[in-house]
Amino acid sequence: MDIVTGSLKHERSWTFWPAPAPTFTPSPLEIRLRKIGVPWTPRWKSVSSGYFNFFGGMLGRGCGSAPPISDLLRDEVTFAADATDDEVRAFVHVMEFGTEAQQKDAVNEAWEKYSR
């Protein structure tokens, strides 16, 4: 998951042959950023993984904590659609360069203002 926008990247890796290209699912925030021309640098964080044997059997699982942005990915939050361009720019700046505490505060503020 991109901790700046909440977009998702799915990657597969294989031991004995080349992995397919990753697939991407852009978040509503990423779509909005592209629409208004705001640049950002994705910061990918692994939130879950699975390990499989040659025959496809599950060998193990791993998971990490979800980044603060994940709270804005729920359907009842309309931040990406309803925030002003300036609010979106300020939010993304915090998500890209702020501390985790600042990111949580920004997400909480957006949640309070834009959840239904």
Foldseek 3Di string as FASTA:
>chain_A
DFLLFPKDWDWDCDDPDGTDDIDIGGALLVVLCVVVVNDADTDDDFAKDFDADPVGHTDDMDGDDDALNVVCRDPQFCLSPPPDPVLSNVLSVCSRPNDSVSNNVSSVVSCVVGGD
